[in-house]
Amino acid sequence: MPPPRLGGAIGDRFDVVGTLSGVTDFEAEFAGAVEEDLDGVKVRVLPLERILHSKRAAARAKDEPGIHQIELVLAVRRKLDS
């Protein structure tokens, strides 16, 4: 069963994830999370590098398109930063 969706102004934009593959404990991941503003609501999210690491560790076929997209975004970011 998929995790419940959040309600409210930003709830339709993401799903709550109950477990992640390949990540350290919650405290360590939370410490590395970045704060983003979504329509005035502050949320902490994992950096794309950590999301990519988790998706690779899960090794699910359904994540392959997302893995590819994240890799492309990170490559563009690296190119822009250099």
C-alpha atoms as a PDB file:
ATOM      1  CA  MET A   1       0.000   0.000   0.000  1.00  0.00           C
ATOM      2  CA  PRO A   2       1.415   3.452  -0.860  1.00  0.00           C
ATOM      3  CA  PRO A   3       2.121   5.877   1.971  1.00  0.00           C
ATOM      4  CA  PRO A   4      -0.584   8.422   2.741  1.00  0.00           C
ATOM      5  CA  ARG A   5      -0.480  11.749   0.948  1.00  0.00           C
ATOM      6  CA  LEU A   6      -0.099  14.942   2.885  1.00  0.00           C
ATOM      7  CA  GLY A   7      -2.979  17.350   2.828  1.00  0.00           C
ATOM      8  CA  GLY A   8      -3.051  21.082   2.640  1.00  0.00           C
ATOM      9  CA  ALA A   9      -1.542  23.624   0.311  1.00  0.00           C
ATOM     10  CA  ILE A  10       1.473  21.544  -0.765  1.00  0.00           C
ATOM     11  CA  GLY A  11       0.299  18.017  -0.008  1.00  0.00           C
ATOM     12  CA  ASP A  12      -0.444  17.130  -3.605  1.00  0.00           C
ATOM     13  CA  ARG A  13       3.171  17.762  -4.662  1.00  0.00           C
ATOM     14  CA  PHE A  14       4.883  14.833  -2.954  1.00  0.00           C
ATOM     15  CA  ASP A  15       4.410  11.522  -1.212  1.00  0.00           C
ATOM     16  CA  VAL A  16       5.617  10.698   2.258  1.00  0.00           C
ATOM     17  CA  VAL A  17       8.266   7.979   2.171  1.00  0.00           C
ATOM     18  CA  GLY A  18       8.263   5.620   5.127  1.00  0.00           C
ATOM     19  CA  THR A  19      11.585   3.873   4.438  1.00  0.00           C
ATOM     20  CA  LEU A  20      14.580   4.531   2.213  1.00  0.00           C
ATOM     21  CA  SER A  21      17.198   2.113   0.969  1.00  0.00           C
ATOM     22  CA  GLY A  22      20.900   2.806   1.317  1.00  0.00           C
ATOM     23  CA  VAL A  23      20.694   5.737   3.710  1.00  0.00           C
ATOM     24  CA  THR A  24      22.107   6.232   7.177  1.00  0.00           C
ATOM     25  CA  ASP A  25      20.027   6.790  10.265  1.00  0.00           C
ATOM     26  CA  PHE A  26      17.322   9.447  10.335  1.00  0.00           C
ATOM     27  CA  GLU A  27      19.337  11.930  12.390  1.00  0.00           C
ATOM     28  CA  ALA A  28      22.273  11.868   9.972  1.00  0.00           C
ATOM     29  CA  GLU A  29      20.041  12.228   6.916  1.00  0.00           C
ATOM     30  CA  PHE A  30      18.009  14.994   8.562  1.00  0.00           C
ATOM     31  CA  ALA A  31      21.219  16.867   9.389  1.00  0.00           C
ATOM     32  CA  GLY A  32      22.164  16.751   5.704  1.00  0.00           C
ATOM     33  CA  ALA A  33      18.720  17.745   4.454  1.00  0.00           C
ATOM     34  CA  VAL A  34      18.257  21.131   2.850  1.00  0.00           C
ATOM     35  CA  GLU A  35      15.449  23.524   3.652  1.00  0.00           C
ATOM     36  CA  GLU A  36      13.238  24.516   0.745  1.00  0.00           C
ATOM     37  CA  ASP A  37      10.323  26.899   0.574  1.00  0.00           C
ATOM     38  CA  LEU A  38       7.215  25.522  -1.129  1.00  0.00           C
ATOM     39  CA  ASP A  39       4.667  28.286  -1.421  1.00  0.00           C
ATOM     40  CA  GLY A  40       5.619  29.705   1.964  1.00  0.00           C
ATOM     41  CA  VAL A  41       5.891  26.334   3.698  1.00  0.00           C
ATOM     42  CA  LYS A  42       9.406  25.413   4.852  1.00  0.00           C
ATOM     43  CA  VAL A  43      10.225  21.741   4.297  1.00  0.00           C
ATOM     44  CA  ARG A  44      13.455  19.778   4.649  1.00  0.00           C
ATOM     45  CA  VAL A  45      14.344  17.521   1.734  1.00  0.00           C
ATOM     46  CA  LEU A  46      17.239  15.234   0.972  1.00  0.00           C
ATOM     47  CA  PRO A  47      19.760  16.552  -1.555  1.00  0.00           C
ATOM     48  CA  LEU A  48      19.457  14.961  -4.995  1.00  0.00           C
ATOM     49  CA  GLU A  49      22.712  13.060  -4.459  1.00  0.00           C
ATOM     50  CA  ARG A  50      21.186  11.255  -1.462  1.00  0.00           C
ATOM     51  CA  ILE A  51      17.947  10.543  -3.313  1.00  0.00           C
ATOM     52  CA  LEU A  52      19.976   9.104  -6.194  1.00  0.00           C
ATOM     53  CA  HIS A  53      21.986   6.956  -3.775  1.00  0.00           C
ATOM     54  CA  SER A  54      18.783   5.612  -2.241  1.00  0.00           C
ATOM     55  CA  LYS A  55      17.162   4.851  -5.581  1.00  0.00           C
ATOM     56  CA  ARG A  56      20.278   3.020  -6.754  1.00  0.00           C
ATOM     57  CA  ALA A  57      20.387   1.015  -3.508  1.00  0.00           C
ATOM     58  CA  ALA A  58      16.728   0.025  -3.887  1.00  0.00           C
ATOM     59  CA  ALA A  59      17.499  -1.287  -7.391  1.00  0.00           C
ATOM     60  CA  ARG A  60      13.855  -1.183  -8.475  1.00  0.00           C
ATOM     61  CA  ALA A  61      13.090  -1.224 -12.194  1.00  0.00           C
ATOM     62  CA  LYS A  62      10.412   1.434 -11.693  1.00  0.00           C
ATOM     63  CA  ASP A  63      13.090   3.860 -10.413  1.00  0.00           C
ATOM     64  CA  GLU A  64      15.294   3.622 -13.522  1.00  0.00           C
ATOM     65  CA  PRO A  65      13.703   6.591 -15.350  1.00  0.00           C
ATOM     66  CA  GLY A  66      13.975   8.715 -12.200  1.00  0.00           C
ATOM     67  CA  ILE A  67      17.598   7.672 -11.696  1.00  0.00           C
ATOM     68  CA  HIS A  68      18.390   8.739 -15.242  1.00  0.00           C
ATOM     69  CA  GLN A  69      16.666  12.103 -14.770  1.00  0.00           C
ATOM     70  CA  ILE A  70      18.461  12.794 -11.489  1.00  0.00           C
ATOM     71  CA  GLU A  71      21.809  11.890 -13.095  1.00  0.00           C
ATOM     72  CA  LEU A  72      21.111  14.357 -15.915  1.00  0.00           C
ATOM     73  CA  VAL A  73      20.191  17.154 -13.502  1.00  0.00           C
ATOM     74  CA  LEU A  74      23.307  16.549 -11.418  1.00  0.00           C
ATOM     75  CA  ALA A  75      25.490  16.532 -14.560  1.00  0.00           C
ATOM     76  CA  VAL A  76      24.034  19.882 -15.637  1.00  0.00           C
ATOM     77  CA  ARG A  77      24.594  21.310 -12.152  1.00  0.00           C
ATOM     78  CA  ARG A  78      28.235  20.163 -12.186  1.00  0.00           C
ATOM     79  CA  LYS A  79      28.764  21.708 -15.612  1.00  0.00           C
ATOM     80  CA  LEU A  80      27.210  25.009 -14.505  1.00  0.00           C
ATOM     81  CA  ASP A  81      29.328  25.042 -11.332  1.00  0.00           C
ATOM     82  CA  SER A  82      32.593  24.560 -13.255  1.00  0.00           C
END
